[in-house]
Each structure stands twice: as structure tokens, then as C-alpha cells.
């Protein structure tokens, strides 16, 4: 049942909740955190943590993708980012980190203009091959991301280079894109013809997620404009509160299992998951895994050096993001597994997940999706 409210006499809307608005509730049973399993599997690939590194240049480089893979997660490299535009983007990353704002506002047009200039360099297919090969040679699972607009142009290079998991990621991705000027990507045909699993998104509701699942995708990314560096809500007026979005897409997964005769599509929360509590609640709402941007941008090894930005921030015509200061918390391994010296949920992410699952009595992630939740908008706890 959808809870609708009346905005005015001509418009009704459903009530939606962010991750800040909900909390999980302990039950009659508790467990030892050591007895909890946080493993996650998609297609033939199993991971010891349900964490994907977001394909953002401030988060994932070839080196950090390798490191995250060695720590049990999945690093997704942005194949349209600086690492495929520059032979050695180190100097460019340092320049972005060193940019100083002359404006009192976070949204400084001068910084946005500079980012756009730096990302105007062309994508070099040979660098796509080189970066994927580098990650592959380390022995970890290789995942790379393209936007729907660039997929037709570069996907063959990506496949030939030996990617294991192909990610098609945009602000929003639909299974039915309509255009009078260009031939749209036929997702269903594209996924059918590939020999590797495809994760696609974002989607923010039941119907679009159901259509993406019908394309044959192995996973669906849930989120739209919810990240710390995104200003989609401000510029386009579009936003999907994550708790409701995840629950709606999880419902689509449930119904698609019945429709398809048992085919399971993984739900991956992507956006608005900035600390361990957000991660716990995203999984409790029905996600199988989380894609982390801000949380991993705080690692000492992160290429953004304490700054965070996404591809939305560098769009040549309609930028929808800012470069934001997130700071540096700890080395990646400590950020994931502790020990933590922070009380903000910014480190020991996996340890916090284990403790939350143990406290509520669940031993696996699939079981934890059944945990009770309450609406609990604690405004004072937000940071």
C-alpha cells in the first residue's frame, strides 16, 4: 500500500524516506559478531564484503581498485575518467586537490570551469586497455564503468581488455530511452550479447528497476542524486530518498523472481551511503551490497587526497555536482576493518556492519534484509 499525501487539490504524492529517517530494531536474539557472515556473490564472483568502490576519480584509481579487491571488495574504475584521458593523471589530480575557491560558497563556478577543462581531454582507448590490464594482472576481479552515452563507443575495447564485470552507470538509466536524433543503446540486446555480467543503474523506483531487470542485468544500482558531491536535486529538482528507493527496487526484485521463474537480480545501493550506519540501513532496506563514494574517498590512499567529486560535476553543459572536502580518516584497510578512533561511522565500516547484524540476531546478509525497521527522523544526529 502506497502512503499518499495531498500537496494541493491537483497533486498527490507518495511519502518517501531517506536513510536518515529510518532505524533498525533489535529482536529477541543476539549473536557474536565473529559468527556473522558478510560475504556477497554476484554471478560467479564471491566477495568477502558487500562493498563496491564507486567509479569516481576521487575514489578509485587502478591502485585503489586493486587494494579494495585484495581486501575483499570490488573496485569499479571509471573508464571515462582521468585515468583513461591522461597517461599519468597524477599532476591533474594534484591540481584538482590544490584548487582554492575565491567564493564563500561551496559551488564555485571557477572550480567547476576548471574541472570541465581538465576533463575535456579525449578518452584514449589504449589507456582503457592498459588500466584494465593493470588491475587484471593483480589477480583481483576487474570491473569498469561507462555511461550509457559512451557504452556503444568503447564497450568492445573494455571486453577485449578482459573486464570481469561491466558496469553501465549514469545519473539515471532506463531500459527505454527515446531519442529523435540518436540511436539509443538497446540494453536488452547489448546485455544478451555480452559474455560478462552487467550491473546497470541508477534506478529509483519499482517500475524502472523492473524494466532494467528484464534486460538481463545481473545487478541494478539504486540511487539518483543522493551523493555528497551531487547537486542533481538542486539543478534538476530530481531526488529519490534512498530508504524508500531501495525498498521499492527490492520489491521489484522479489516480483521479478516470480515472473522469471527464479532469476535473482542483485540490488546495489549507490548514493547517500556516507557512513557505516547508512550502509547498515541500506542493507536492511533490501540491498545486497553498497557502492561507496564519500566513505572511501576518506581513505588515505584515495586519489582525491581528501576531496571528492563525480562525473556530474564536469558535465560540459549541465554540471550537477561540486568538488567537496571530505577529509582523510585512515588507511583503506583500517577504514574498512578498524580499529576505529572515530565516533562518526567513518571507519571500521565492516566491523560496524557485523556488530549491527549480531545485535539484531542475523548471521547472513540475506537474513538481515528481514530485520525490523522504524521511521525515526533524528534531526540532531545528522552530519
Foldseek 3Di string as FASTA:
>chain_A
DFAWDDPDPVDIDTDAAALLQKDFDADPAFFDLVLFFQWFDFDHDIFRHQEEADQFQLFDDLVVQLVCQVVGYGYEHEQLDPQQQDVDCLVVLVVLLPDDAPDPDLDGVVSLVVLLVSSVRGGHLVSLLVSQLSSVVSPGQAEYEDEQVCCVPRVVSNVVSPHQEYEHEDLFDACDDDDPPDDGDNLLVVCVPDPHAYEYGDDQAQVRLLRNVVSVHQEYEYFHQAAPFFQCCVQVVDGHRQLRRLLRSLVNQVVVCVVVVHRGHAYEYEHNQQFLSSQLSSLLSPHSHYHDFNLSSQACPRSNNQWGHGPLSNPPPHRGGGTDGSYHAYHPSCQCCHDHPDPLRSRVNVVSNSNVCSSNRHRYSVVSNNTDMDRHNPPVSDD
